[in-house]
C-alpha atoms as a PDB file:
ATOM      1  CA  MET A   1     -29.177 -75.051  -9.727  1.00  0.00           C
ATOM      2  CA  SER A   2     -26.690 -72.575  -8.339  1.00  0.00           C
ATOM      3  CA  THR A   3     -22.999 -73.659  -7.858  1.00  0.00           C
ATOM      4  CA  PRO A   4     -21.896 -73.696  -4.249  1.00  0.00           C
ATOM      5  CA  THR A   5     -19.165 -71.157  -3.195  1.00  0.00           C
ATOM      6  CA  ALA A   6     -15.777 -72.568  -2.486  1.00  0.00           C
ATOM      7  CA  PHE A   7     -14.244 -71.876   1.069  1.00  0.00           C
ATOM      8  CA  PRO A   8     -10.847 -72.571   1.938  1.00  0.00           C
ATOM      9  CA  ALA A   9     -10.348 -75.827   3.959  1.00  0.00           C
ATOM     10  CA  ASP A  10      -8.832 -74.194   7.023  1.00  0.00           C
ATOM     11  CA  GLY A  11      -7.834 -70.746   8.280  1.00  0.00           C
ATOM     12  CA  ARG A  12      -4.079 -71.373   7.665  1.00  0.00           C
ATOM     13  CA  ALA A  13      -4.229 -70.527   4.130  1.00  0.00           C
ATOM     14  CA  ALA A  14      -6.062 -67.373   4.707  1.00  0.00           C
ATOM     15  CA  ALA A  15      -3.593 -66.165   7.384  1.00  0.00           C
ATOM     16  CA  ALA A  16      -0.698 -66.942   4.798  1.00  0.00           C
ATOM     17  CA  ALA A  17      -2.228 -64.594   2.487  1.00  0.00           C
ATOM     18  CA  LEU A  18      -2.320 -61.496   5.004  1.00  0.00           C
ATOM     19  CA  PRO A  19       0.688 -59.173   4.935  1.00  0.00           C
ATOM     20  CA  PRO A  20       3.220 -59.519   8.001  1.00  0.00           C
ATOM     21  CA  LEU A  21       2.629 -57.309  10.928  1.00  0.00           C
ATOM     22  CA  PRO A  22       5.241 -54.473  11.644  1.00  0.00           C
ATOM     23  CA  PRO A  23       7.593 -54.881  14.315  1.00  0.00           C
ATOM     24  CA  VAL A  24       6.878 -53.404  17.748  1.00  0.00           C
ATOM     25  CA  ARG A  25       9.236 -50.897  18.800  1.00  0.00           C
ATOM     26  CA  PRO A  26      10.270 -50.813  22.576  1.00  0.00           C
ATOM     27  CA  GLU A  27       8.978 -47.958  24.585  1.00  0.00           C
ATOM     28  CA  TYR A  28      11.331 -45.435  26.176  1.00  0.00           C
ATOM     29  CA  GLU A  29      11.299 -41.971  28.004  1.00  0.00           C
ATOM     30  CA  GLN A  30      13.533 -39.184  27.409  1.00  0.00           C
ATOM     31  CA  ALA A  31      14.150 -36.754  30.104  1.00  0.00           C
ATOM     32  CA  LEU A  32      14.143 -33.122  28.866  1.00  0.00           C
ATOM     33  CA  GLU A  33      16.044 -30.425  30.248  1.00  0.00           C
ATOM     34  CA  PRO A  34      13.998 -27.722  32.159  1.00  0.00           C
ATOM     35  CA  PHE A  35      13.364 -24.720  30.096  1.00  0.00           C
ATOM     36  CA  THR A  36      14.722 -22.505  32.858  1.00  0.00           C
ATOM     37  CA  ALA A  37      18.085 -23.933  32.271  1.00  0.00           C
ATOM     38  CA  SER A  38      18.889 -21.521  29.720  1.00  0.00           C
ATOM     39  CA  ALA A  39      17.975 -17.865  29.403  1.00  0.00           C
ATOM     40  CA  VAL A  40      14.419 -17.483  28.622  1.00  0.00           C
ATOM     41  CA  GLU A  41      15.128 -13.998  26.919  1.00  0.00           C
ATOM     42  CA  ARG A  42      18.187 -12.327  25.967  1.00  0.00           C
ATOM     43  CA  PRO A  43      18.999  -8.582  25.208  1.00  0.00           C
ATOM     44  CA  LEU A  44      18.884  -7.648  21.608  1.00  0.00           C
ATOM     45  CA  PRO A  45      22.118  -6.195  20.304  1.00  0.00           C
ATOM     46  CA  TRP A  46      22.727  -2.561  20.739  1.00  0.00           C
ATOM     47  CA  THR A  47      22.428  -1.894  16.890  1.00  0.00           C
ATOM     48  CA  VAL A  48      18.984  -3.595  16.707  1.00  0.00           C
ATOM     49  CA  ARG A  49      17.777  -1.540  19.918  1.00  0.00           C
ATOM     50  CA  LEU A  50      18.932   1.788  18.361  1.00  0.00           C
ATOM     51  CA  TRP A  51      17.476   1.074  14.813  1.00  0.00           C
ATOM     52  CA  ARG A  52      14.061   0.498  16.419  1.00  0.00           C
ATOM     53  CA  GLN A  53      14.179   4.090  17.792  1.00  0.00           C
ATOM     54  CA  ALA A  54      11.596   5.910  15.345  1.00  0.00           C
ATOM     55  CA  TRP A  55      13.349   9.298  15.863  1.00  0.00           C
ATOM     56  CA  LEU A  56      16.629   7.884  14.753  1.00  0.00           C
ATOM     57  CA  ARG A  57      15.086   6.479  11.521  1.00  0.00           C
ATOM     58  CA  LYS A  58      13.262   9.758  10.717  1.00  0.00           C
ATOM     59  CA  GLY A  59      16.254  11.802  11.413  1.00  0.00           C
ATOM     60  CA  LEU A  60      18.357   9.721   9.003  1.00  0.00           C
ATOM     61  CA  ILE A  61      15.750  10.374   6.484  1.00  0.00           C
ATOM     62  CA  LEU A  62      15.763  13.998   6.948  1.00  0.00           C
ATOM     63  CA  LEU A  63      19.481  14.004   6.862  1.00  0.00           C
ATOM     64  CA  ALA A  64      19.509  12.201   3.544  1.00  0.00           C
ATOM     65  CA  LEU A  65      17.057  14.706   2.088  1.00  0.00           C
ATOM     66  CA  ALA A  66      19.093  17.645   3.401  1.00  0.00           C
ATOM     67  CA  LEU A  67      22.275  16.142   1.777  1.00  0.00           C
ATOM     68  CA  VAL A  68      20.357  15.629  -1.691  1.00  0.00           C
ATOM     69  CA  TRP A  69      19.149  19.303  -1.355  1.00  0.00           C
ATOM     70  CA  GLU A  70      22.735  20.486  -0.640  1.00  0.00           C
ATOM     71  CA  LEU A  71      24.320  18.666  -3.634  1.00  0.00           C
ATOM     72  CA  LEU A  72      21.483  19.725  -5.974  1.00  0.00           C
ATOM     73  CA  ALA A  73      21.727  23.329  -4.928  1.00  0.00           C
ATOM     74  CA  ARG A  74      25.537  23.335  -5.285  1.00  0.00           C
ATOM     75  CA  TRP A  75      25.328  21.721  -8.691  1.00  0.00           C
ATOM     76  CA  GLN A  76      22.799  24.316  -9.861  1.00  0.00           C
ATOM     77  CA  ASP A  77      24.711  27.106  -8.369  1.00  0.00           C
ATOM     78  CA  LYS A  78      21.972  29.643  -8.416  1.00  0.00           C
ATOM     79  CA  ASP A  79      21.194  30.926  -4.944  1.00  0.00           C
ATOM     80  CA  LEU A  80      18.411  33.172  -6.072  1.00  0.00           C
ATOM     81  CA  LEU A  81      16.388  30.052  -7.224  1.00  0.00           C
ATOM     82  CA  LEU A  82      17.528  27.552  -4.845  1.00  0.00           C
ATOM     83  CA  PRO A  83      19.705  28.160  -1.861  1.00  0.00           C
ATOM     84  CA  THR A  84      21.711  25.425  -0.305  1.00  0.00           C
ATOM     85  CA  ALA A  85      20.589  23.676   2.878  1.00  0.00           C
ATOM     86  CA  SER A  86      23.422  25.114   4.809  1.00  0.00           C
ATOM     87  CA  ALA A  87      22.360  28.764   3.802  1.00  0.00           C
ATOM     88  CA  THR A  88      18.765  27.886   4.774  1.00  0.00           C
ATOM     89  CA  ALA A  89      19.929  26.612   8.095  1.00  0.00           C
ATOM     90  CA  ARG A  90      21.901  29.722   8.585  1.00  0.00           C
ATOM     91  CA  ALA A  91      19.129  31.999   7.768  1.00  0.00           C
ATOM     92  CA  LEU A  92      16.718  29.956  10.018  1.00  0.00           C
ATOM     93  CA  PHE A  93      19.186  30.318  12.959  1.00  0.00           C
ATOM     94  CA  GLU A  94      19.619  33.912  12.450  1.00  0.00           C
ATOM     95  CA  GLY A  95      15.829  34.465  12.233  1.00  0.00           C
ATOM     96  CA  LEU A  96      15.269  32.654  15.516  1.00  0.00           C
ATOM     97  CA  ALA A  97      18.153  34.271  17.294  1.00  0.00           C
ATOM     98  CA  SER A  98      16.850  37.719  16.347  1.00  0.00           C
ATOM     99  CA  GLY A  99      13.331  36.811  17.688  1.00  0.00           C
ATOM    100  CA  GLU A 100      11.714  37.720  14.339  1.00  0.00           C
ATOM    101  CA  LEU A 101      10.692  34.204  13.400  1.00  0.00           C
ATOM    102  CA  LEU A 102       9.556  33.553  16.852  1.00  0.00           C
ATOM    103  CA  ALA A 103       7.304  36.400  16.966  1.00  0.00           C
ATOM    104  CA  LYS A 104       5.828  35.542  13.486  1.00  0.00           C
ATOM    105  CA  THR A 105       5.371  31.946  14.595  1.00  0.00           C
ATOM    106  CA  ALA A 106       3.637  32.969  17.786  1.00  0.00           C
ATOM    107  CA  ILE A 107       1.093  35.111  15.752  1.00  0.00           C
ATOM    108  CA  SER A 108       0.362  32.418  13.437  1.00  0.00           C
ATOM    109  CA  LEU A 109      -0.106  29.772  16.107  1.00  0.00           C
ATOM    110  CA  GLY A 110      -2.271  32.057  18.092  1.00  0.00           C
ATOM    111  CA  VAL A 111      -4.736  32.387  15.308  1.00  0.00           C
ATOM    112  CA  LEU A 112      -4.441  28.800  14.447  1.00  0.00           C
ATOM    113  CA  VAL A 113      -5.377  27.520  18.059  1.00  0.00           C
ATOM    114  CA  GLN A 114      -8.355  29.646  18.052  1.00  0.00           C
ATOM    115  CA  GLY A 115      -9.688  28.509  14.787  1.00  0.00           C
ATOM    116  CA  TYR A 116      -8.839  24.973  15.366  1.00  0.00           C
ATOM    117  CA  ALA A 117     -10.524  24.811  18.918  1.00  0.00           C
ATOM    118  CA  LEU A 118     -13.743  26.359  17.482  1.00  0.00           C
ATOM    119  CA  GLY A 119     -13.765  24.051  14.615  1.00  0.00           C
ATOM    120  CA  VAL A 120     -13.367  20.998  16.957  1.00  0.00           C
ATOM    121  CA  GLY A 121     -16.189  22.157  19.236  1.00  0.00           C
ATOM    122  CA  LEU A 122     -18.479  22.661  16.208  1.00  0.00           C
ATOM    123  CA  ALA A 123     -17.573  19.286  14.697  1.00  0.00           C
ATOM    124  CA  PHE A 124     -18.417  17.510  17.959  1.00  0.00           C
ATOM    125  CA  LEU A 125     -21.654  19.362  18.299  1.00  0.00           C
ATOM    126  CA  LEU A 126     -22.700  18.417  14.704  1.00  0.00           C
ATOM    127  CA  THR A 127     -21.699  14.793  15.188  1.00  0.00           C
ATOM    128  CA  SER A 128     -23.505  14.426  18.521  1.00  0.00           C
ATOM    129  CA  LEU A 129     -26.633  15.734  16.988  1.00  0.00           C
ATOM    130  CA  ALA A 130     -26.116  13.247  14.008  1.00  0.00           C
ATOM    131  CA  VAL A 131     -25.846  10.243  16.282  1.00  0.00           C
ATOM    132  CA  SER A 132     -28.769  11.326  18.430  1.00  0.00           C
ATOM    133  CA  THR A 133     -31.362  12.368  16.084  1.00  0.00           C
ATOM    134  CA  GLN A 134     -32.430  11.655  12.527  1.00  0.00           C
ATOM    135  CA  LEU A 135     -32.687  15.361  11.580  1.00  0.00           C
ATOM    136  CA  GLY A 136     -29.056  15.713  12.963  1.00  0.00           C
ATOM    137  CA  ARG A 137     -27.961  13.053  10.390  1.00  0.00           C
ATOM    138  CA  ASP A 138     -29.668  14.641   7.550  1.00  0.00           C
ATOM    139  CA  LEU A 139     -28.117  18.017   8.663  1.00  0.00           C
ATOM    140  CA  LEU A 140     -24.727  16.547   8.794  1.00  0.00           C
ATOM    141  CA  GLY A 141     -24.904  14.786   5.437  1.00  0.00           C
ATOM    142  CA  THR A 142     -26.226  17.739   3.670  1.00  0.00           C
ATOM    143  CA  LEU A 143     -23.683  20.289   5.201  1.00  0.00           C
ATOM    144  CA  THR A 144     -20.759  18.078   4.534  1.00  0.00           C
ATOM    145  CA  SER A 145     -21.816  17.462   0.992  1.00  0.00           C
ATOM    146  CA  MET A 146     -22.132  21.089   0.205  1.00  0.00           C
ATOM    147  CA  PHE A 147     -19.100  22.534   2.026  1.00  0.00           C
ATOM    148  CA  ASN A 148     -16.466  19.762   2.374  1.00  0.00           C
ATOM    149  CA  PRO A 149     -15.511  19.950  -1.312  1.00  0.00           C
ATOM    150  CA  LEU A 150     -15.171  23.783  -1.141  1.00  0.00           C
ATOM    151  CA  PRO A 151     -11.555  24.923  -0.550  1.00  0.00           C
ATOM    152  CA  ALA A 152     -11.151  27.003   2.537  1.00  0.00           C
ATOM    153  CA  ILE A 153      -8.915  29.574   0.704  1.00  0.00           C
ATOM    154  CA  ALA A 154     -11.727  30.157  -1.712  1.00  0.00           C
ATOM    155  CA  LEU A 155     -13.836  31.667   1.092  1.00  0.00           C
ATOM    156  CA  LEU A 156     -11.335  34.217   2.038  1.00  0.00           C
ATOM    157  CA  PRO A 157     -12.681  37.068  -0.145  1.00  0.00           C
ATOM    158  CA  LEU A 158     -16.017  36.432   1.423  1.00  0.00           C
ATOM    159  CA  ALA A 159     -14.509  36.354   4.866  1.00  0.00           C
ATOM    160  CA  LEU A 160     -12.902  39.720   4.322  1.00  0.00           C
ATOM    161  CA  LEU A 161     -16.336  41.263   3.371  1.00  0.00           C
ATOM    162  CA  TRP A 162     -17.881  39.801   6.415  1.00  0.00           C
ATOM    163  CA  PHE A 163     -15.258  40.287   9.007  1.00  0.00           C
ATOM    164  CA  GLY A 164     -12.846  42.780   7.779  1.00  0.00           C
ATOM    165  CA  LEU A 165      -9.070  43.033   7.765  1.00  0.00           C
ATOM    166  CA  GLY A 166      -8.503  41.158  11.009  1.00  0.00           C
ATOM    167  CA  GLN A 167      -8.103  37.890  12.737  1.00  0.00           C
ATOM    168  CA  GLY A 168     -11.668  37.034  12.191  1.00  0.00           C
ATOM    169  CA  SER A 169     -11.274  36.358   8.616  1.00  0.00           C
ATOM    170  CA  LEU A 170      -8.489  33.996   9.215  1.00  0.00           C
ATOM    171  CA  ILE A 171     -10.458  32.183  11.994  1.00  0.00           C
ATOM    172  CA  PHE A 172     -13.509  31.779   9.736  1.00  0.00           C
ATOM    173  CA  VAL A 173     -11.488  29.927   7.006  1.00  0.00           C
ATOM    174  CA  LEU A 174      -9.623  27.757   9.659  1.00  0.00           C
ATOM    175  CA  VAL A 175     -13.121  26.769  11.179  1.00  0.00           C
ATOM    176  CA  HIS A 176     -14.164  25.699   7.690  1.00  0.00           C
ATOM    177  CA  SER A 177     -11.044  23.777   7.047  1.00  0.00           C
ATOM    178  CA  VAL A 178     -11.204  21.813  10.345  1.00  0.00           C
ATOM    179  CA  LEU A 179     -14.947  21.266  10.738  1.00  0.00           C
ATOM    180  CA  TRP A 180     -15.973  18.923   7.971  1.00  0.00           C
ATOM    181  CA  PRO A 181     -13.165  16.457   7.745  1.00  0.00           C
ATOM    182  CA  LEU A 182     -13.174  16.032  11.559  1.00  0.00           C
ATOM    183  CA  ALA A 183     -17.060  15.769  11.590  1.00  0.00           C
ATOM    184  CA  LEU A 184     -16.869  13.190   8.806  1.00  0.00           C
ATOM    185  CA  ASN A 185     -14.074  11.153  10.610  1.00  0.00           C
ATOM    186  CA  THR A 186     -15.808  11.284  13.887  1.00  0.00           C
ATOM    187  CA  TYR A 187     -19.257  10.229  12.497  1.00  0.00           C
ATOM    188  CA  ALA A 188     -17.688   7.323  10.697  1.00  0.00           C
ATOM    189  CA  GLY A 189     -16.009   6.357  13.893  1.00  0.00           C
ATOM    190  CA  PHE A 190     -19.318   6.268  15.697  1.00  0.00           C
ATOM    191  CA  GLN A 191     -20.906   4.222  13.106  1.00  0.00           C
ATOM    192  CA  ALA A 192     -18.195   1.620  13.399  1.00  0.00           C
ATOM    193  CA  VAL A 193     -18.922   1.086  17.161  1.00  0.00           C
ATOM    194  CA  PRO A 194     -19.977  -2.532  17.862  1.00  0.00           C
ATOM    195  CA  GLU A 195     -23.623  -3.160  18.575  1.00  0.00           C
ATOM    196  CA  THR A 196     -22.776  -4.826  21.909  1.00  0.00           C
ATOM    197  CA  LEU A 197     -21.307  -1.746  23.150  1.00  0.00           C
ATOM    198  CA  ARG A 198     -24.293   0.253  22.033  1.00  0.00           C
ATOM    199  CA  MET A 199     -26.506  -2.230  23.978  1.00  0.00           C
ATOM    200  CA  ALA A 200     -24.425  -2.142  27.060  1.00  0.00           C
ATOM    201  CA  GLY A 201     -24.858   1.681  27.130  1.00  0.00           C
ATOM    202  CA  ARG A 202     -28.579   1.401  26.621  1.00  0.00           C
ATOM    203  CA  ASN A 203     -28.886  -1.227  29.324  1.00  0.00           C
ATOM    204  CA  TYR A 204     -27.168   1.335  31.768  1.00  0.00           C
ATOM    205  CA  GLY A 205     -29.754   3.800  30.920  1.00  0.00           C
ATOM    206  CA  LEU A 206     -27.276   6.287  29.104  1.00  0.00           C
ATOM    207  CA  GLY A 207     -28.654   8.568  26.360  1.00  0.00           C
ATOM    208  CA  GLY A 208     -27.960  11.890  24.835  1.00  0.00           C
ATOM    209  CA  LEU A 209     -24.492  13.393  25.414  1.00  0.00           C
ATOM    210  CA  ARG A 210     -23.777  10.952  28.337  1.00  0.00           C
ATOM    211  CA  TYR A 211     -24.260   8.009  25.731  1.00  0.00           C
ATOM    212  CA  VAL A 212     -21.955   9.864  23.349  1.00  0.00           C
ATOM    213  CA  GLY A 213     -19.286  10.827  25.789  1.00  0.00           C
ATOM    214  CA  GLN A 214     -19.136   7.491  27.763  1.00  0.00           C
ATOM    215  CA  ILE A 215     -19.758   4.911  25.010  1.00  0.00           C
ATOM    216  CA  LEU A 216     -19.222   6.372  21.446  1.00  0.00           C
ATOM    217  CA  VAL A 217     -16.126   8.692  21.946  1.00  0.00           C
ATOM    218  CA  PRO A 218     -13.939   5.988  23.752  1.00  0.00           C
ATOM    219  CA  ALA A 219     -14.885   3.301  21.162  1.00  0.00           C
ATOM    220  CA  ALA A 220     -14.492   5.589  18.182  1.00  0.00           C
ATOM    221  CA  LEU A 221     -11.236   7.362  19.398  1.00  0.00           C
ATOM    222  CA  PRO A 222      -9.016   6.116  16.749  1.00  0.00           C
ATOM    223  CA  ALA A 223     -11.100   7.459  14.116  1.00  0.00           C
ATOM    224  CA  ILE A 224     -11.490  10.728  16.047  1.00  0.00           C
ATOM    225  CA  LEU A 225      -7.712  11.071  16.341  1.00  0.00           C
ATOM    226  CA  SER A 226      -7.409  10.659  12.735  1.00  0.00           C
ATOM    227  CA  GLY A 227      -9.879  13.387  12.033  1.00  0.00           C
ATOM    228  CA  LEU A 228      -8.037  15.592  14.428  1.00  0.00           C
ATOM    229  CA  LYS A 229      -4.695  15.040  12.498  1.00  0.00           C
ATOM    230  CA  ILE A 230      -6.327  15.654   9.269  1.00  0.00           C
ATOM    231  CA  GLY A 231      -8.073  18.795  10.649  1.00  0.00           C
ATOM    232  CA  TRP A 232      -4.753  20.095  12.056  1.00  0.00           C
ATOM    233  CA  ALA A 233      -2.932  19.509   8.789  1.00  0.00           C
ATOM    234  CA  PHE A 234      -5.778  21.333   6.830  1.00  0.00           C
ATOM    235  CA  ALA A 235      -5.933  24.160   9.270  1.00  0.00           C
ATOM    236  CA  TRP A 236      -2.024  24.700   9.309  1.00  0.00           C
ATOM    237  CA  ARG A 237      -1.602  24.893   5.438  1.00  0.00           C
ATOM    238  CA  THR A 238      -4.836  26.974   5.212  1.00  0.00           C
ATOM    239  CA  LEU A 239      -3.565  29.490   7.568  1.00  0.00           C
ATOM    240  CA  ILE A 240      -0.069  29.830   5.892  1.00  0.00           C
ATOM    241  CA  ALA A 241      -1.861  30.059   2.352  1.00  0.00           C
ATOM    242  CA  ALA A 242      -4.177  32.625   3.755  1.00  0.00           C
ATOM    243  CA  GLU A 243      -1.367  34.710   5.254  1.00  0.00           C
ATOM    244  CA  LEU A 244       0.468  34.499   1.859  1.00  0.00           C
ATOM    245  CA  VAL A 245      -2.686  35.973   0.121  1.00  0.00           C
ATOM    246  CA  PHE A 246      -4.104  37.977   2.759  1.00  0.00           C
ATOM    247  CA  GLY A 247      -1.070  39.492   4.486  1.00  0.00           C
ATOM    248  CA  ALA A 248      -0.922  40.955   7.766  1.00  0.00           C
ATOM    249  CA  SER A 249      -3.596  40.790  10.204  1.00  0.00           C
ATOM    250  CA  SER A 250      -4.476  43.932  12.345  1.00  0.00           C
ATOM    251  CA  GLY A 251      -1.032  45.264  11.506  1.00  0.00           C
ATOM    252  CA  LYS A 252       0.591  41.966  12.474  1.00  0.00           C
ATOM    253  CA  GLY A 253       2.025  39.411   9.970  1.00  0.00           C
ATOM    254  CA  GLY A 254       2.465  35.673  10.811  1.00  0.00           C
ATOM    255  CA  LEU A 255       4.658  33.135   9.309  1.00  0.00           C
ATOM    256  CA  GLY A 256       3.084  33.151   5.923  1.00  0.00           C
ATOM    257  CA  TRP A 257       3.544  37.046   5.771  1.00  0.00           C
ATOM    258  CA  TYR A 258       7.077  36.322   6.514  1.00  0.00           C
ATOM    259  CA  ILE A 259       7.542  34.259   3.671  1.00  0.00           C
ATOM    260  CA  PHE A 260       5.703  36.313   1.268  1.00  0.00           C
ATOM    261  CA  GLN A 261       7.570  39.507   2.363  1.00  0.00           C
ATOM    262  CA  ASN A 262      11.068  37.932   1.901  1.00  0.00           C
ATOM    263  CA  ARG A 263       9.912  36.521  -1.482  1.00  0.00           C
ATOM    264  CA  ASN A 264       9.242  40.118  -2.449  1.00  0.00           C
ATOM    265  CA  GLU A 265      12.714  41.312  -1.391  1.00  0.00           C
ATOM    266  CA  LEU A 266      14.205  38.387  -3.026  1.00  0.00           C
ATOM    267  CA  TYR A 267      15.835  36.920   0.162  1.00  0.00           C
ATOM    268  CA  THR A 268      15.363  33.308  -1.039  1.00  0.00           C
ATOM    269  CA  ASP A 269      17.199  31.749   1.838  1.00  0.00           C
ATOM    270  CA  ARG A 270      14.834  33.409   4.290  1.00  0.00           C
ATOM    271  CA  VAL A 271      11.891  32.166   2.336  1.00  0.00           C
ATOM    272  CA  PHE A 272      13.222  28.799   2.514  1.00  0.00           C
ATOM    273  CA  ALA A 273      13.926  29.215   6.233  1.00  0.00           C
ATOM    274  CA  GLY A 274      10.318  30.179   6.683  1.00  0.00           C
ATOM    275  CA  LEU A 275       9.041  27.004   4.809  1.00  0.00           C
ATOM    276  CA  ALA A 276      11.442  24.790   6.925  1.00  0.00           C
ATOM    277  CA  LEU A 277       9.982  26.340  10.033  1.00  0.00           C
ATOM    278  CA  VAL A 278       6.545  25.469   8.727  1.00  0.00           C
ATOM    279  CA  VAL A 279       7.663  21.956   8.103  1.00  0.00           C
ATOM    280  CA  ILE A 280       9.318  21.586  11.505  1.00  0.00           C
ATOM    281  CA  ILE A 281       6.242  22.753  13.455  1.00  0.00           C
ATOM    282  CA  GLY A 282       4.244  20.206  11.603  1.00  0.00           C
ATOM    283  CA  LEU A 283       6.787  17.404  12.444  1.00  0.00           C
ATOM    284  CA  LEU A 284       6.679  18.574  16.152  1.00  0.00           C
ATOM    285  CA  VAL A 285       2.942  18.488  16.347  1.00  0.00           C
ATOM    286  CA  GLU A 286       2.688  14.958  14.832  1.00  0.00           C
ATOM    287  CA  GLY A 287       5.651  13.532  16.514  1.00  0.00           C
ATOM    288  CA  LEU A 288       5.147  14.901  19.954  1.00  0.00           C
ATOM    289  CA  GLY A 289       1.463  15.911  20.289  1.00  0.00           C
ATOM    290  CA  PHE A 290      -0.751  13.380  18.398  1.00  0.00           C
ATOM    291  CA  ALA A 291       1.898  10.489  18.948  1.00  0.00           C
ATOM    292  CA  THR A 292       1.807  11.049  22.716  1.00  0.00           C
ATOM    293  CA  LEU A 293      -1.958  11.248  22.789  1.00  0.00           C
ATOM    294  CA  GLU A 294      -2.266   7.994  20.785  1.00  0.00           C
ATOM    295  CA  ARG A 295       0.259   6.255  23.061  1.00  0.00           C
ATOM    296  CA  LEU A 296      -1.594   7.364  26.086  1.00  0.00           C
ATOM    297  CA  THR A 297      -5.050   6.387  24.752  1.00  0.00           C
ATOM    298  CA  VAL A 298      -5.712   4.037  21.955  1.00  0.00           C
ATOM    299  CA  ARG A 299      -2.518   2.300  22.027  1.00  0.00           C
ATOM    300  CA  ARG A 300      -2.685   1.726  25.785  1.00  0.00           C
ATOM    301  CA  TRP A 301      -6.234   0.560  25.406  1.00  0.00           C
ATOM    302  CA  GLY A 302      -5.284  -1.941  22.775  1.00  0.00           C
ATOM    303  CA  GLN A 303      -7.373  -0.296  20.011  1.00  0.00           C
ATOM    304  CA  GLN A 304      -4.357   0.516  17.784  1.00  0.00           C
ATOM    305  CA  ARG A 305      -1.173  -1.423  17.221  1.00  0.00           C
END
């Protein structure tokens, strides 16, 4: 027979075994001050606002580099090998004041604009074909695999045979230096366009160049701008290198020829002045041209921080 289970005689013993209940705290309300009682925003200190200016920070970096250059040149004390920053600045000012450097720069920039514009046009044409047809994709992939690793300056002897001693040879190597990196960046940007945007364009009946111009280009603009900047840098340094090797074009020498000529005459301060002008032009194009374009497009549209 099973043994019956023992239960407490009443509920008081079970209640005594339970832990005591916590005390009940009295409720109360605390009135908060309105958030408009104090200033919602306050102006930053002038030092913080000044430090947020990108031109100031970059200017300080350039000033520090110039100071290191000046100290190193004075310590070496060999103007033929390394002129001081002050001597280079003086030679740059004299070249600009005389108009010689301005004329050389105008010649180089004129050739650069022609080659750059032609390279950009061909790159967009190839990329438009690549996103529209399978044959265009195969063509772009094959050509970029073949010619993108090929240095542009290596084509200069061939360009001289084809186009002779003139601006045509320089424009040919400039187109080669701009075309392939821009085409690759643009195509990569097109490939990264979300599928929803593509479907929206198809639903509106867009196709061909209209589909590329109204859907793909705005969505891929950050990558396109990166390709434009890379193409500009490649074209600028290719032009200076080609002028150093090739010399004058149609009896006119550009900025690279100015550097090469003064190197032969052992005017090292003028050589550094020409190099400094190359750097200054690069900074102006990046800081004013492309930065303004990015601010008016991709940053305003929220595509870039």
